Amino acid sequence: MVGMVLQGGGAKGGYQIGVWKALRELNIEIGCVTGTSVGAINGALIVQDKFDEAYDFWYNMDPRLVIKDDPEIYHQLLTRNIDIKNMQMYFEYVKNIIKQKGFDIEPLKDLINKAVDETCIRNSSIDFGLVTVSLSDWKPMELYVKDIDEGKLGDYLLASSFLPGFKPQTIDGKKFLDGGFYDNMPINLMAKKGYKEIIAVELNALAIEQPVKDKELVIRRIRPSGDLGRLLEFDKERSRNNLIMGYLDTMKSYGKNKGSAYYLTDIPEESVFFNKLIQLSDEQIFSMGKTIGYDTGYSKRLLLEVIVSELCEMLGFDLSMSYGEIVLGALEYLAAATNIERLKVYDYETFLSLILKKCEKAPQKTFDIEFMPNVLRRQSLVQKTFKEELLMKWLVLMASSRT
């Protein structure tokens, strides 16, 4: 069995349930869960094996499930989609938030009380721990279920999620703060249970994390391959995308699909990619080389030593990458540049055909790279040059060669 550690990250938490969906399909048995903030809440659902409830919650995400204050105004302020004609309304909204000392999270409290069966968690074969910070005592609290008084588990789950912008609440007369202010990825808490194999699910959240003490731990870190949104962006569409991303990233982590930003299956052997390159005719190769000042010499050497090197430099690739990795990376660049849907599994031939079809219709002078996933974006791509646009044509030409 493995231990599962869930990072805090507010509204990004749907990603973790997508990860859990994949782990269930992979039949990976979880023996313990530790989490901070939303990671603690998700962890409690995992310990109870409430997959359907957890998935439904994140799939149908709505600000009203978390905060009591007007969700429409909240969303407008969060996204800065402000109507200047309603400035007085925004002023009154903010004034009320300040007056009540933060957002009213009564709906979240009710949700935790309904979703958490404390008896079920205490009797579960899966251990559970969470992190919070006691403001009253000025000390962090790393707690397993056995350390929490009977009937107080729901309160401590909420305490682990007390962000500074939330309305203060107390437990037994004490005030608490989000556990992310001490350890947002409680791997050390997991290690205390003796687990050596750990799955750590990240949410790209900016918070404090304690250094891992046990250097012998085997940690599989599952990281988001794209943007999960803002900490308090309780948006339905964003949450649904995060669910899918968590599932696909986990499947990729376990080798069920490949790629950098995309999710690809049935990828040919390395020799196939090499043949794609050398099948280009001398005329095609010299046509490419001429644009960078090389139009003589041995064509295949020009292709493999100069043109491929230029491609790697342009796309920010390491020269030690195999030809297969270079071609796949270039294809992914083209896929992103032509807005091919990312959160979907493609077999290689379908992916290639779709890219070629898109590129045939794309304007020759420019490619839209605003959609470019973080893992493919490079500073050199932001300031495009004439040479880069020619390089895009080269990629299409290389992709067109088939064995």
Protein backbone atom coordinates (compact mmCIF):
# COMPACT_ATOMS: atom_id res chain seq x y z
CA MET A 1 0.00 0.00 0.00
CA VAL A 2 1.04 3.60 -0.58
CA GLY A 3 0.54 6.84 1.29
CA MET A 4 -1.24 9.73 -0.45
CA VAL A 5 -0.35 13.34 0.43
CA LEU A 6 -2.64 16.13 -0.78
CA GLN A 7 -1.39 19.69 -1.07
CA GLY A 8 -3.60 22.64 -0.14
CA GLY A 9 -4.81 24.88 -2.95
CA GLY A 10 -8.40 26.06 -2.45
CA ALA A 11 -10.53 25.99 -5.58
CA LYS A 12 -7.89 23.94 -7.42
CA GLY A 13 -8.82 20.87 -5.38
CA GLY A 14 -10.81 19.15 -8.13
CA TYR A 15 -7.47 18.12 -9.63
CA GLN A 16 -6.92 15.77 -6.68
CA ILE A 17 -10.22 13.99 -7.23
CA GLY A 18 -9.22 13.47 -10.87
CA VAL A 19 -6.00 11.90 -9.58
CA TRP A 20 -8.02 9.67 -7.25
CA LYS A 21 -10.22 8.56 -10.17
CA ALA A 22 -7.12 7.37 -12.04
CA LEU A 23 -5.65 5.63 -9.00
CA ARG A 24 -8.91 3.73 -8.53
CA GLU A 25 -8.80 2.54 -12.15
CA LEU A 26 -5.16 1.55 -11.72
CA ASN A 27 -6.10 -0.48 -8.62
CA ILE A 28 -3.56 1.31 -6.46
CA GLU A 29 -4.34 0.65 -2.80
CA ILE A 30 -4.04 3.65 -0.47
CA GLY A 31 -3.17 2.93 3.15
CA CYS A 32 -3.00 6.48 4.53
CA VAL A 33 -3.95 10.01 3.48
CA THR A 34 -2.57 13.26 4.87
CA GLY A 35 -3.62 16.67 3.61
CA THR A 36 -3.67 20.38 4.22
CA SER A 37 -6.61 22.74 3.66
CA VAL A 38 -8.61 21.51 0.65
CA GLY A 39 -6.27 18.52 0.61
CA ALA A 40 -7.53 17.61 4.08
CA ILE A 41 -11.16 17.91 2.98
CA ASN A 42 -10.55 15.80 -0.12
CA GLY A 43 -8.58 13.37 2.00
CA ALA A 44 -11.51 12.88 4.36
CA LEU A 45 -13.70 11.97 1.37
CA ILE A 46 -11.07 9.52 0.10
CA VAL A 47 -10.81 7.81 3.49
CA GLN A 48 -14.60 7.36 3.44
CA ASP A 49 -14.46 6.09 -0.17
CA LYS A 50 -17.04 8.72 -1.14
CA PHE A 51 -15.88 8.99 -4.73
CA ASP A 52 -19.25 9.80 -6.31
CA GLU A 53 -19.95 12.55 -3.78
CA ALA A 54 -16.48 14.05 -4.19
CA TYR A 55 -16.60 13.97 -7.98
CA ASP A 56 -20.11 15.45 -8.05
CA PHE A 57 -19.06 18.28 -5.73
CA TRP A 58 -16.14 19.36 -7.91
CA TYR A 59 -17.94 18.70 -11.19
CA ASN A 60 -20.78 21.02 -10.16
CA MET A 61 -18.61 23.59 -8.38
CA ASP A 62 -20.30 26.87 -7.51
CA PRO A 63 -19.18 29.71 -5.19
CA ARG A 64 -22.42 29.22 -3.23
CA LEU A 65 -21.12 25.84 -2.09
CA VAL A 66 -18.27 27.57 -0.28
CA ILE A 67 -19.19 31.16 0.61
CA LYS A 68 -22.48 32.73 1.62
CA ASP A 69 -21.82 36.19 0.20
CA ASP A 70 -23.31 37.08 -3.22
CA PRO A 71 -21.58 34.73 -5.71
CA GLU A 72 -22.19 36.92 -8.76
CA ILE A 73 -20.52 39.98 -7.26
CA TYR A 74 -17.76 37.77 -5.87
CA HIS A 75 -17.06 36.31 -9.32
CA GLN A 76 -17.07 39.75 -10.98
CA LEU A 77 -14.54 41.08 -8.49
CA LEU A 78 -12.38 37.96 -8.70
CA THR A 79 -12.22 38.07 -12.50
CA ARG A 80 -12.10 41.88 -12.59
CA ASN A 81 -15.12 41.84 -14.86
CA ILE A 82 -16.48 44.98 -13.24
CA ASP A 83 -19.34 47.12 -14.51
CA ILE A 84 -18.37 50.69 -13.65
CA LYS A 85 -22.07 51.60 -13.50
CA ASN A 86 -22.39 49.43 -10.39
CA MET A 87 -19.46 50.77 -8.38
CA GLN A 88 -21.71 51.54 -5.41
CA MET A 89 -22.83 47.90 -5.34
CA TYR A 90 -19.21 46.71 -5.28
CA PHE A 91 -18.39 49.24 -2.57
CA GLU A 92 -21.22 48.00 -0.36
CA TYR A 93 -20.21 44.38 -0.97
CA VAL A 94 -16.59 44.99 0.06
CA LYS A 95 -17.75 47.12 2.99
CA ASN A 96 -19.88 44.24 4.26
CA ILE A 97 -17.01 41.75 3.88
CA ILE A 98 -14.76 44.03 5.91
CA LYS A 99 -17.48 44.54 8.52
CA GLN A 100 -17.93 40.80 9.04
CA LYS A 101 -14.12 40.38 8.98
CA GLY A 102 -14.00 38.16 5.90
CA PHE A 103 -16.04 35.94 3.61
CA ASP A 104 -18.79 33.99 5.34
CA ILE A 105 -17.92 30.29 4.78
CA GLU A 106 -21.00 28.89 6.50
CA PRO A 107 -21.88 26.87 3.34
CA LEU A 108 -18.46 25.18 3.47
CA LYS A 109 -18.98 24.40 7.13
CA ASP A 110 -22.39 22.87 6.37
CA LEU A 111 -20.91 20.90 3.49
CA ILE A 112 -18.19 19.40 5.70
CA ASN A 113 -20.72 18.48 8.38
CA LYS A 114 -22.87 16.68 5.80
CA ALA A 115 -20.05 14.98 3.90
CA VAL A 116 -17.91 13.84 6.82
CA ASP A 117 -18.96 10.75 8.73
CA GLU A 118 -16.57 10.90 11.65
CA THR A 119 -17.37 7.38 12.81
CA CYS A 120 -16.64 6.04 9.32
CA ILE A 121 -13.28 7.80 9.24
CA ARG A 122 -12.30 6.61 12.71
CA ASN A 123 -13.19 3.02 11.82
CA SER A 124 -11.60 3.10 8.37
CA SER A 125 -8.64 0.89 7.52
CA ILE A 126 -7.09 3.99 5.91
CA ASP A 127 -5.21 6.29 8.31
CA PHE A 128 -5.87 10.01 8.06
CA GLY A 129 -4.01 13.14 9.15
CA LEU A 130 -4.23 16.90 8.63
CA VAL A 131 -2.34 20.12 9.33
CA THR A 132 -3.59 23.39 10.79
CA VAL A 133 -2.11 26.28 12.79
CA SER A 134 -3.35 27.43 16.19
CA LEU A 135 -3.24 31.22 16.27
CA SER A 136 -4.18 31.24 19.93
CA ASP A 137 -1.18 29.09 20.87
CA TRP A 138 1.08 30.30 18.06
CA LYS A 139 1.99 26.77 17.02
CA PRO A 140 1.42 24.35 14.12
CA MET A 141 -0.69 21.27 14.68
CA GLU A 142 -0.03 18.02 12.80
CA LEU A 143 -2.87 15.71 13.77
CA TYR A 144 -3.99 12.18 13.08
CA VAL A 145 -7.60 11.25 13.71
CA LYS A 146 -6.70 9.66 17.03
CA ASP A 147 -5.28 13.02 18.19
CA ILE A 148 -8.62 14.81 17.66
CA ASP A 149 -11.34 14.70 20.28
CA GLU A 150 -14.52 12.81 19.43
CA GLY A 151 -17.00 14.98 17.55
CA LYS A 152 -14.39 17.57 16.54
CA LEU A 153 -13.06 16.16 13.26
CA GLY A 154 -15.29 18.38 11.10
CA ASP A 155 -14.16 21.43 13.05
CA TYR A 156 -10.50 20.62 12.48
CA LEU A 157 -11.07 20.00 8.77
CA LEU A 158 -12.49 23.51 8.61
CA ALA A 159 -9.64 24.84 10.73
CA SER A 160 -7.14 23.39 8.27
CA SER A 161 -8.85 25.51 5.59
CA PHE A 162 -9.08 28.86 7.42
CA LEU A 163 -7.61 31.25 4.83
CA PRO A 164 -6.94 34.82 6.01
CA GLY A 165 -9.78 36.18 3.84
CA PHE A 166 -12.37 34.00 5.57
CA LYS A 167 -14.54 35.11 8.47
CA PRO A 168 -12.81 34.09 11.73
CA GLN A 169 -14.25 31.12 13.59
CA THR A 170 -13.20 29.42 16.77
CA ILE A 171 -12.95 25.87 18.09
CA ASP A 172 -13.17 25.51 21.84
CA GLY A 173 -12.39 29.18 22.18
CA LYS A 174 -9.27 29.03 20.00
CA LYS A 175 -8.61 30.62 16.61
CA PHE A 176 -6.96 28.74 13.76
CA LEU A 177 -5.25 29.44 10.45
CA ASP A 178 -4.93 27.46 7.21
CA GLY A 179 -2.37 24.67 7.51
CA GLY A 180 -0.60 26.00 4.43
CA PHE A 181 1.05 28.54 6.72
CA TYR A 182 3.09 25.70 8.20
CA ASP A 183 3.19 22.71 5.84
CA ASN A 184 1.12 22.69 2.68
CA MET A 185 2.41 19.24 1.64
CA PRO A 186 2.49 17.11 4.83
CA ILE A 187 4.87 14.39 3.64
CA ASN A 188 6.63 14.30 7.02
CA LEU A 189 3.30 13.65 8.74
CA MET A 190 2.80 10.71 6.38
CA ALA A 191 6.34 9.41 7.01
CA LYS A 192 5.62 9.21 10.75
CA LYS A 193 3.23 6.37 9.93
CA GLY A 194 6.11 4.43 8.38
CA TYR A 195 5.12 4.74 4.72
CA LYS A 196 8.11 4.72 2.37
CA GLU A 197 6.20 4.88 -0.93
CA ILE A 198 4.24 8.09 -1.26
CA ILE A 199 2.09 9.75 -3.92
CA ALA A 200 2.25 13.53 -3.46
CA VAL A 201 -0.40 15.49 -5.39
CA GLU A 202 0.53 19.10 -6.05
CA LEU A 203 -1.79 22.02 -6.88
CA ASN A 204 0.75 24.69 -7.87
CA ALA A 205 -0.09 26.58 -4.70
CA LEU A 206 2.19 29.18 -3.15
CA ALA A 207 2.52 28.22 0.51
CA ILE A 208 5.02 26.98 3.07
CA GLU A 209 6.27 23.41 2.81
CA GLN A 210 8.55 21.72 5.31
CA PRO A 211 11.66 19.99 3.94
CA VAL A 212 11.30 16.23 3.69
CA LYS A 213 13.24 14.70 6.57
CA ASP A 214 13.45 11.07 5.44
CA LYS A 215 15.68 10.98 2.36
CA GLU A 216 14.86 7.30 1.72
CA LEU A 217 11.23 7.99 0.84
CA VAL A 218 10.14 7.07 -2.67
CA ILE A 219 7.91 9.98 -3.69
CA ARG A 220 5.90 10.04 -6.90
CA ARG A 221 4.95 13.69 -7.43
CA ILE A 222 1.91 14.24 -9.61
CA ARG A 223 2.06 17.80 -10.89
CA PRO A 224 -0.52 19.76 -12.90
CA SER A 225 0.49 20.04 -16.56
CA GLY A 226 -1.46 23.28 -16.95
CA ASP A 227 -3.04 26.18 -15.12
CA LEU A 228 -5.53 25.20 -12.40
CA GLY A 229 -6.84 28.71 -11.88
CA ARG A 230 -6.81 31.00 -8.86
CA LEU A 231 -6.90 29.94 -5.23
CA LEU A 232 -10.48 31.21 -4.75
CA GLU A 233 -11.76 30.74 -8.31
CA PHE A 234 -14.76 28.53 -7.59
CA ASP A 235 -15.75 28.20 -11.24
CA LYS A 236 -17.62 25.21 -12.67
CA GLU A 237 -15.86 24.98 -16.04
CA ARG A 238 -12.43 25.46 -14.50
CA SER A 239 -13.16 22.78 -11.92
CA ARG A 240 -14.33 20.32 -14.58
CA ASN A 241 -11.12 20.85 -16.53
CA ASN A 242 -9.10 20.29 -13.36
CA LEU A 243 -10.84 16.96 -12.80
CA ILE A 244 -9.89 15.82 -16.30
CA MET A 245 -6.33 17.13 -15.99
CA GLY A 246 -5.77 15.33 -12.70
CA TYR A 247 -6.96 12.06 -14.23
CA LEU A 248 -4.87 12.37 -17.39
CA ASP A 249 -1.72 13.56 -15.60
CA THR A 250 -1.91 10.57 -13.27
CA MET A 251 -2.36 8.14 -16.13
CA LYS A 252 0.68 9.71 -17.78
CA SER A 253 2.66 9.40 -14.55
CA TYR A 254 1.99 5.65 -14.63
CA GLY A 255 2.90 5.32 -18.31
CA LYS A 256 -0.61 4.94 -19.74
CA ASN A 257 -0.04 7.86 -22.11
CA LYS A 258 2.93 9.97 -23.11
CA GLY A 259 3.75 13.48 -24.25
CA SER A 260 4.72 16.77 -22.69
CA ALA A 261 1.53 18.83 -22.62
CA TYR A 262 -0.71 16.45 -24.58
CA TYR A 263 -1.74 12.86 -23.87
CA LEU A 264 -0.65 10.46 -26.61
CA THR A 265 -0.84 6.72 -27.14
CA ASP A 266 0.46 4.29 -29.78
CA ILE A 267 3.62 6.33 -30.34
CA PRO A 268 5.95 4.76 -32.94
CA GLU A 269 9.43 3.47 -32.16
CA GLU A 270 12.39 5.84 -32.28
CA SER A 271 13.49 4.46 -35.66
CA VAL A 272 10.21 5.59 -37.22
CA PHE A 273 10.88 9.20 -36.23
CA PHE A 274 14.42 9.04 -37.58
CA ASN A 275 13.06 7.73 -40.88
CA LYS A 276 10.57 10.60 -40.98
CA LEU A 277 13.48 13.01 -40.99
CA ILE A 278 15.77 11.31 -43.49
CA GLN A 279 12.92 10.70 -45.96
CA LEU A 280 12.89 14.40 -46.77
CA SER A 281 14.29 15.00 -50.24
CA ASP A 282 17.51 16.93 -50.89
CA GLU A 283 15.43 19.70 -52.44
CA GLN A 284 13.27 20.02 -49.33
CA ILE A 285 16.27 19.99 -47.01
CA PHE A 286 18.20 22.62 -48.96
CA SER A 287 15.07 24.75 -49.14
CA MET A 288 14.95 24.74 -45.36
CA GLY A 289 18.68 25.30 -44.98
CA LYS A 290 18.68 28.24 -47.36
CA THR A 291 16.52 30.28 -44.99
CA ILE A 292 19.31 30.21 -42.39
CA GLY A 293 22.16 30.61 -44.83
CA TYR A 294 22.99 26.97 -45.62
CA ASP A 295 22.22 25.70 -49.10
CA THR A 296 25.21 23.52 -49.95
CA GLY A 297 26.93 20.45 -48.59
CA TYR A 298 25.67 17.01 -47.69
CA SER A 299 21.89 17.29 -47.30
CA LYS A 300 21.38 14.73 -44.52
CA ARG A 301 24.19 16.23 -42.46
CA LEU A 302 22.65 19.68 -42.95
CA LEU A 303 19.31 18.30 -41.75
CA LEU A 304 20.52 16.36 -38.71
CA GLU A 305 23.30 18.66 -37.51
CA VAL A 306 22.07 22.14 -38.41
CA ILE A 307 18.32 22.24 -39.03
CA VAL A 308 17.39 19.99 -36.11
CA SER A 309 19.73 22.02 -33.90
CA GLU A 310 17.94 25.21 -34.96
CA LEU A 311 14.59 23.63 -34.11
CA CYS A 312 15.83 22.63 -30.67
CA GLU A 313 17.14 26.12 -29.98
CA MET A 314 13.90 27.75 -31.12
CA LEU A 315 11.68 25.49 -29.05
CA GLY A 316 13.95 25.43 -26.01
CA PHE A 317 14.68 21.72 -26.33
CA ASP A 318 17.76 19.99 -24.94
CA LEU A 319 20.10 18.80 -27.69
CA SER A 320 20.42 15.48 -25.87
CA MET A 321 16.77 14.68 -26.69
CA SER A 322 16.17 11.82 -29.10
CA TYR A 323 14.80 12.50 -32.59
CA GLY A 324 11.50 11.03 -31.45
CA GLU A 325 11.29 13.42 -28.51
CA ILE A 326 12.14 16.36 -30.76
CA VAL A 327 9.50 15.49 -33.33
CA LEU A 328 6.86 14.87 -30.65
CA GLY A 329 7.72 18.15 -28.94
CA ALA A 330 7.49 20.00 -32.24
CA LEU A 331 4.13 18.40 -32.97
CA GLU A 332 2.85 19.41 -29.54
CA TYR A 333 3.99 22.95 -30.23
CA LEU A 334 1.99 22.99 -33.46
CA ALA A 335 -1.01 21.44 -31.72
CA ALA A 336 -1.01 24.18 -29.10
CA ALA A 337 -0.35 26.90 -31.67
CA THR A 338 -3.39 25.81 -33.68
CA ASN A 339 -5.62 25.42 -30.60
CA ILE A 340 -6.07 21.65 -30.68
CA GLU A 341 -7.91 20.54 -27.56
CA ARG A 342 -5.38 19.52 -24.91
CA LEU A 343 -7.32 17.62 -22.25
CA LYS A 344 -8.00 14.59 -24.38
CA VAL A 345 -6.22 11.33 -25.25
CA TYR A 346 -5.06 10.97 -28.88
CA ASP A 347 -3.43 8.06 -30.62
CA TYR A 348 -0.36 9.24 -32.52
CA GLU A 349 -1.72 8.93 -36.07
CA THR A 350 -4.93 10.79 -35.19
CA PHE A 351 -2.89 13.51 -33.50
CA LEU A 352 -0.60 13.88 -36.51
CA SER A 353 -3.47 13.99 -39.01
CA LEU A 354 -5.34 16.58 -36.96
CA ILE A 355 -2.25 18.80 -36.75
CA LEU A 356 -1.63 18.64 -40.50
CA LYS A 357 -5.26 19.47 -41.20
CA LYS A 358 -5.14 22.43 -38.80
CA CYS A 359 -1.85 23.72 -40.20
CA GLU A 360 -3.19 23.65 -43.75
CA LYS A 361 -5.90 26.09 -42.67
CA ALA A 362 -3.70 28.22 -40.41
CA PRO A 363 -2.47 31.63 -41.66
CA GLN A 364 1.01 31.32 -43.09
CA LYS A 365 2.32 34.49 -41.47
CA THR A 366 1.48 33.79 -37.85
CA PHE A 367 0.48 31.19 -35.29
CA ASP A 368 -1.66 31.95 -32.26
CA ILE A 369 0.37 30.86 -29.23
CA GLU A 370 -1.70 32.51 -26.49
CA PHE A 371 -3.11 29.08 -25.59
CA MET A 372 0.36 27.56 -25.21
CA PRO A 373 0.51 25.41 -22.04
CA ASN A 374 3.13 26.42 -19.49
CA VAL A 375 5.22 23.33 -20.17
CA LEU A 376 5.69 24.37 -23.81
CA ARG A 377 5.88 28.16 -23.49
CA ARG A 378 9.31 29.67 -24.02
CA GLN A 379 10.40 33.29 -23.92
CA SER A 380 11.81 32.90 -27.44
CA LEU A 381 8.34 32.05 -28.69
CA VAL A 382 6.74 35.17 -27.29
CA GLN A 383 8.76 37.46 -29.55
CA LYS A 384 8.30 35.65 -32.84
CA THR A 385 10.65 36.38 -35.73
CA PHE A 386 10.51 35.76 -39.46
CA LYS A 387 12.90 32.85 -39.04
CA GLU A 388 10.59 31.28 -36.45
CA GLU A 389 7.68 31.45 -38.85
CA LEU A 390 9.76 29.65 -41.47
CA LEU A 391 10.65 27.06 -38.86
CA MET A 392 6.95 26.42 -38.38
CA LYS A 393 6.74 25.52 -42.06
CA TRP A 394 9.62 23.13 -41.56
CA LEU A 395 7.75 21.39 -38.80
CA VAL A 396 4.75 20.90 -41.02
CA LEU A 397 7.00 19.50 -43.73
CA MET A 398 8.68 17.07 -41.33
CA ALA A 399 5.38 15.99 -39.88
CA SER A 400 4.08 15.34 -43.38
CA SER A 401 6.73 12.72 -44.11
CA ARG A 402 5.36 9.27 -43.37
CA THR A 403 6.99 5.85 -43.36
